[in-house]
Amino acid sequence: MAKYSRKASQKVKQAMHERKRGKLKSGRSGKKVKSRKQAIAIGLSQARREGAKVPRKKSSSRKAKKR
């Protein structure tokens, strides 16, 4: 069973393509994204918003609740 859906991989591919062309912008600040990791994160969050199969993102608040 796959961790990520096809839709999620398409979104990441699209985000990486935009980053290469210099058109990918950060959501809040609107600055140009240069980092590869950040481009992947943006693609996955877009896919997550559209309901694609993407694993839940690990947040520090969830770790604190377990203690």
Protein backbone atom coordinates (compact mmCIF):
# COMPACT_ATOMS: atom_id res chain seq x y z
CA MET A 1 0.00 0.00 0.00
CA ALA A 2 1.38 3.38 -1.02
CA LYS A 3 2.02 6.14 1.52
CA TYR A 4 1.31 8.94 -0.94
CA SER A 5 -1.39 9.09 -3.61
CA ARG A 6 -0.78 9.91 -7.27
CA LYS A 7 -2.45 13.31 -6.75
CA ALA A 8 0.03 14.12 -3.98
CA SER A 9 3.02 13.27 -6.17
CA GLN A 10 1.59 15.43 -8.97
CA LYS A 11 1.30 18.39 -6.58
CA VAL A 12 4.89 17.98 -5.41
CA LYS A 13 6.07 17.70 -9.03
CA GLN A 14 4.19 20.89 -9.90
CA ALA A 15 5.65 22.76 -6.90
CA MET A 16 9.18 21.65 -7.81
CA HIS A 17 8.65 22.80 -11.39
CA GLU A 18 7.47 26.22 -10.20
CA ARG A 19 10.47 26.49 -7.86
CA LYS A 20 12.82 25.76 -10.76
CA ARG A 21 11.21 28.51 -12.80
CA GLY A 22 11.36 30.89 -9.81
CA LYS A 23 7.58 31.27 -9.57
CA LEU A 24 6.91 29.38 -6.32
CA LYS A 25 6.10 31.74 -3.47
CA SER A 26 5.74 31.16 0.24
CA GLY A 27 2.15 31.33 1.48
CA ARG A 28 2.40 33.79 4.34
CA SER A 29 5.28 36.11 3.46
CA GLY A 30 5.00 35.82 -0.32
CA LYS A 31 8.78 35.45 -0.66
CA LYS A 32 10.32 33.37 -3.43
CA VAL A 33 11.02 29.77 -2.38
CA LYS A 34 14.57 28.57 -3.07
CA SER A 35 14.75 25.47 -0.90
CA ARG A 36 13.98 22.03 -2.34
CA LYS A 37 12.57 20.78 0.96
CA GLN A 38 10.28 23.79 1.26
CA ALA A 39 8.95 23.20 -2.25
CA ILE A 40 8.12 19.59 -1.35
CA ALA A 41 6.38 20.72 1.84
CA ILE A 42 4.28 23.25 -0.08
CA GLY A 43 3.27 20.60 -2.64
CA LEU A 44 2.26 18.14 0.09
CA SER A 45 0.24 20.72 2.01
CA GLN A 46 -1.63 21.67 -1.18
CA ALA A 47 -2.39 17.99 -1.79
CA ARG A 48 -3.50 17.58 1.82
CA ARG A 49 -5.90 20.51 1.42
CA GLU A 50 -7.42 18.90 -1.68
CA GLY A 51 -8.00 15.62 0.14
CA ALA A 52 -5.21 13.54 -1.36
CA LYS A 53 -3.73 10.63 0.56
CA VAL A 54 -0.81 12.14 2.47
CA PRO A 55 0.42 11.03 5.91
CA ARG A 56 -0.38 13.38 8.78
CA LYS A 57 2.29 15.96 9.44
CA LYS A 58 4.13 15.54 12.72
CA SER A 59 3.79 18.58 14.95
CA SER A 60 5.46 19.42 18.24
CA SER A 61 2.07 19.91 19.93
CA ARG A 62 1.20 16.22 19.40
CA LYS A 63 4.46 15.15 21.06
CA ALA A 64 3.77 17.35 24.07
CA LYS A 65 0.30 15.85 24.56
CA LYS A 66 1.73 12.30 24.75
CA ARG A 67 3.87 13.11 27.81
